[in-house]
């Protein structure tokens, strides 16, 4: 929970990596009037919004954006966020990426793209698909399967692929958010453009 709302626009992410990722992207875009914070995980969004609505300065917000990983079902995830917004009588967007209401206008972005199952890690990996190391990532998991007969569970596969790709860098110990700060993700990649347009519209 932000102790003080310092900007007219507020962007909420699931966790600390999302905060670092979005701050890096906003800095790249030259957008300085969006405050980014996290709500501590998807199961805590409803309680977070209830507390946020009572935070000094909340009434002065012009825009509120909520981002959340799709995981296995983008439609169900969007419906869950809609329910959390309705619970505190905030404007409820009719679809992913659209803005509803005024003071604040509210938008919801379901990662990676509003339709596909997955998460922020999937979006980041999609942005580097032309990097030659990506084929090595896939070969690594195939090797592990062939030699050790194991794989990350389905829910963790995107995170595992991202960790392996990050391990291929000259500085191999970065997390997703740190990688964003270091410029590892190519912000001009096509896959980032819808998200960028959403942020610019807030």
Protein backbone atom coordinates (compact mmCIF):
# COMPACT_ATOMS: atom_id res chain seq x y z
CA UNK A 1 0.00 0.00 0.00
CA UNK A 2 1.47 3.38 -0.92
CA UNK A 3 1.66 5.51 2.24
CA UNK A 4 1.17 8.60 0.09
CA UNK A 5 -0.40 8.89 -3.34
CA UNK A 6 1.98 11.30 -5.02
CA UNK A 7 0.71 11.35 -8.59
CA UNK A 8 -2.64 11.78 -10.32
CA UNK A 9 -2.24 8.39 -11.99
CA UNK A 10 -1.68 5.06 -10.25
CA UNK A 11 -0.61 1.75 -11.78
CA UNK A 12 -0.91 -1.45 -9.76
CA UNK A 13 1.09 -4.62 -10.42
CA UNK A 14 1.12 -8.01 -8.73
CA UNK A 15 4.59 -7.75 -7.15
CA UNK A 16 7.97 -6.05 -6.93
CA UNK A 17 9.19 -7.31 -10.32
CA UNK A 18 6.17 -5.71 -11.96
CA UNK A 19 6.91 -2.42 -10.21
CA UNK A 20 10.48 -2.39 -11.50
CA UNK A 21 9.39 -3.48 -14.99
CA UNK A 22 6.73 -0.78 -15.32
CA UNK A 23 8.91 1.95 -13.84
CA UNK A 24 11.61 1.09 -16.40
CA UNK A 25 9.11 1.10 -19.25
CA UNK A 26 7.56 4.40 -18.15
CA UNK A 27 11.02 5.96 -17.87
CA UNK A 28 11.78 4.79 -21.41
CA UNK A 29 8.53 6.38 -22.60
CA UNK A 30 9.26 9.63 -20.78
CA UNK A 31 6.09 9.29 -18.68
CA UNK A 32 6.65 10.71 -15.21
CA UNK A 33 3.14 11.22 -13.84
CA UNK A 34 2.24 7.57 -13.16
CA UNK A 35 2.99 6.17 -9.70
CA UNK A 36 3.62 2.42 -9.70
CA UNK A 37 3.08 0.12 -6.73
CA UNK A 38 2.11 -3.50 -6.10
CA UNK A 39 -0.79 -5.17 -4.34
CA UNK A 40 1.18 -8.15 -3.06
CA UNK A 41 -0.15 -10.95 -5.25
CA UNK A 42 -3.35 -11.79 -7.08
CA UNK A 43 -5.21 -13.14 -4.03
CA UNK A 44 -4.80 -9.81 -2.25
CA UNK A 45 -6.20 -7.46 -4.89
CA UNK A 46 -9.69 -7.20 -3.42
CA UNK A 47 -8.43 -6.34 0.07
CA UNK A 48 -5.85 -3.97 -1.40
CA UNK A 49 -8.47 -2.01 -3.33
CA UNK A 50 -10.67 -1.76 -0.23
CA UNK A 51 -7.78 -0.22 1.72
CA UNK A 52 -6.64 1.91 -1.22
CA UNK A 53 -10.06 3.54 -1.50
CA UNK A 54 -9.55 4.87 2.05
CA UNK A 55 -6.03 6.19 1.40
CA UNK A 56 -5.56 9.98 1.61
CA UNK A 57 -5.23 11.35 -1.90
CA UNK A 58 -7.22 8.57 -3.54
CA UNK A 59 -10.10 10.92 -4.27
CA UNK A 60 -7.79 13.07 -6.37
CA UNK A 61 -6.74 10.28 -8.73
CA UNK A 62 -7.38 10.92 -12.41
CA UNK A 63 -6.50 7.38 -13.52
CA UNK A 64 -6.12 3.93 -12.00
CA UNK A 65 -4.71 0.98 -13.91
CA UNK A 66 -4.60 -2.60 -12.66
CA UNK A 67 -2.38 -5.23 -14.25
CA UNK A 68 -2.58 -8.93 -13.52
CA UNK A 69 -1.25 -12.16 -15.01
CA UNK A 70 -3.76 -14.17 -17.02
CA UNK A 71 -2.32 -17.48 -15.78
CA UNK A 72 -4.55 -20.16 -17.31
CA UNK A 73 -7.66 -18.14 -18.23
CA UNK A 74 -7.61 -14.50 -19.33
CA UNK A 75 -11.40 -14.13 -19.29
CA UNK A 76 -11.74 -15.50 -15.76
CA UNK A 77 -8.89 -13.30 -14.55
CA UNK A 78 -10.48 -10.21 -16.08
CA UNK A 79 -13.81 -11.11 -14.47
CA UNK A 80 -12.08 -11.43 -11.10
CA UNK A 81 -10.55 -7.96 -11.41
CA UNK A 82 -13.92 -6.55 -12.47
CA UNK A 83 -15.49 -8.05 -9.33
CA UNK A 84 -12.77 -6.49 -7.15
CA UNK A 85 -13.45 -3.07 -8.72
CA UNK A 86 -17.22 -3.38 -8.36
CA UNK A 87 -16.74 -4.34 -4.71
CA UNK A 88 -15.38 -0.85 -3.97
CA UNK A 89 -17.75 0.93 -6.36
CA UNK A 90 -15.03 1.89 -8.82
CA UNK A 91 -15.70 2.15 -12.57
CA UNK A 92 -15.61 -1.28 -14.21
CA UNK A 93 -14.18 -1.52 -17.75
CA UNK A 94 -16.19 -3.62 -20.17
CA UNK A 95 -13.12 -5.18 -21.74
CA UNK A 96 -9.37 -5.61 -21.35
CA UNK A 97 -7.39 -2.51 -22.23
CA UNK A 98 -10.39 -0.17 -22.21
CA UNK A 99 -10.87 2.74 -19.81
CA UNK A 100 -14.09 3.33 -17.88
CA UNK A 101 -15.42 6.21 -15.81
CA UNK A 102 -13.85 9.45 -14.69
CA UNK A 103 -12.00 10.61 -11.58
CA UNK A 104 -10.60 8.08 -11.66
CA UNK A 105 -10.88 6.51 -15.05
CA UNK A 106 -10.05 2.85 -14.60
CA UNK A 107 -8.32 0.39 -16.91
CA UNK A 108 -7.35 -3.27 -16.59
CA UNK A 109 -4.50 -4.95 -18.45
CA UNK A 110 -4.36 -8.74 -18.33
CA UNK A 111 -0.87 -10.00 -19.13
CA UNK A 112 0.47 -11.04 -21.52
CA UNK A 113 -2.06 -9.72 -24.06
CA UNK A 114 -5.59 -9.89 -22.68
CA UNK A 115 -6.42 -13.15 -24.48
CA UNK A 116 -3.64 -15.69 -24.09
CA UNK A 117 -2.91 -17.70 -20.97
CA UNK A 118 0.38 -16.70 -19.36
CA UNK A 119 2.05 -13.88 -17.50
CA UNK A 120 4.48 -10.99 -17.72
CA UNK A 121 7.32 -13.47 -18.26
CA UNK A 122 5.65 -14.68 -21.46
CA UNK A 123 5.40 -11.12 -22.77
CA UNK A 124 9.06 -10.45 -22.04
CA UNK A 125 10.18 -13.68 -23.70
CA UNK A 126 8.02 -12.91 -26.74
CA UNK A 127 9.92 -9.62 -27.08
CA UNK A 128 13.27 -11.42 -27.50
CA UNK A 129 12.22 -14.24 -29.82
CA UNK A 130 14.68 -13.08 -32.46
CA UNK A 131 17.60 -13.47 -30.05
CA UNK A 132 19.65 -16.50 -31.09
CA UNK A 133 19.98 -17.63 -27.46
CA UNK A 134 16.24 -18.45 -27.34
CA UNK A 135 16.82 -21.66 -29.34
CA UNK A 136 19.42 -22.63 -26.75
CA UNK A 137 16.82 -22.14 -24.02
CA UNK A 138 14.49 -24.59 -25.73
CA UNK A 139 17.35 -27.04 -26.30
CA UNK A 140 18.24 -26.84 -22.61
CA UNK A 141 14.78 -27.95 -21.52
CA UNK A 142 14.77 -30.71 -24.14
CA UNK A 143 18.16 -31.88 -22.84
CA UNK A 144 16.90 -31.93 -19.25
CA UNK A 145 13.87 -33.90 -20.36
CA UNK A 146 16.02 -36.40 -22.25
CA UNK A 147 18.66 -36.79 -19.56
CA UNK A 148 16.74 -36.35 -16.31
CA UNK A 149 13.12 -36.90 -17.39
CA UNK A 150 11.85 -33.80 -15.69
CA UNK A 151 10.44 -30.41 -16.58
CA UNK A 152 9.13 -27.41 -14.62
CA UNK A 153 5.42 -27.73 -13.97
CA UNK A 154 3.22 -25.95 -16.48
CA UNK A 155 2.55 -22.96 -14.23
CA UNK A 156 6.28 -22.36 -13.73
CA UNK A 157 7.48 -23.01 -17.29
CA UNK A 158 7.37 -19.35 -18.36
CA UNK A 159 9.37 -18.28 -15.31
CA UNK A 160 11.87 -21.08 -15.90
CA UNK A 161 12.38 -20.14 -19.56
CA UNK A 162 12.92 -16.51 -18.60
CA UNK A 163 15.47 -17.47 -15.90
CA UNK A 164 17.42 -19.58 -18.38
CA UNK A 165 17.44 -16.79 -20.97
CA UNK A 166 18.58 -14.27 -18.36
CA UNK A 167 21.34 -16.71 -17.35
CA UNK A 168 22.69 -16.42 -20.89
CA UNK A 169 23.45 -12.71 -20.44
CA UNK A 170 26.86 -11.24 -19.58
CA UNK A 171 25.38 -10.32 -16.18
CA UNK A 172 23.44 -13.52 -15.52
CA UNK A 173 21.96 -12.85 -12.09
CA UNK A 174 19.18 -10.40 -12.95
CA UNK A 175 15.51 -10.84 -12.14
CA UNK A 176 12.81 -9.72 -14.59
CA UNK A 177 12.48 -6.24 -13.12
CA UNK A 178 16.23 -5.73 -12.88
CA UNK A 179 16.54 -6.85 -16.50
CA UNK A 180 14.05 -4.16 -17.47
CA UNK A 181 16.13 -1.55 -15.67
CA UNK A 182 19.24 -2.78 -17.48
CA UNK A 183 17.55 -2.48 -20.88
CA UNK A 184 17.37 -6.21 -21.65
CA UNK A 185 13.81 -6.02 -22.98
CA UNK A 186 13.51 -4.29 -26.38
CA UNK A 187 10.76 -1.76 -25.78
CA UNK A 188 10.29 -1.24 -29.53
CA UNK A 189 9.25 -4.88 -29.98
CA UNK A 190 5.81 -5.27 -31.53
CA UNK A 191 4.49 -7.28 -28.59
CA UNK A 192 4.95 -4.31 -26.23
CA UNK A 193 3.09 -1.79 -28.39
CA UNK A 194 -0.50 -2.50 -27.19
CA UNK A 195 0.64 -2.22 -23.56
CA UNK A 196 2.49 0.99 -24.32
CA UNK A 197 -0.62 2.48 -25.95
CA UNK A 198 -2.63 1.52 -22.87
CA UNK A 199 -0.16 3.29 -20.58
CA UNK A 200 -0.07 6.38 -22.79
CA UNK A 201 -3.89 6.60 -22.65
CA UNK A 202 -4.08 6.72 -18.87
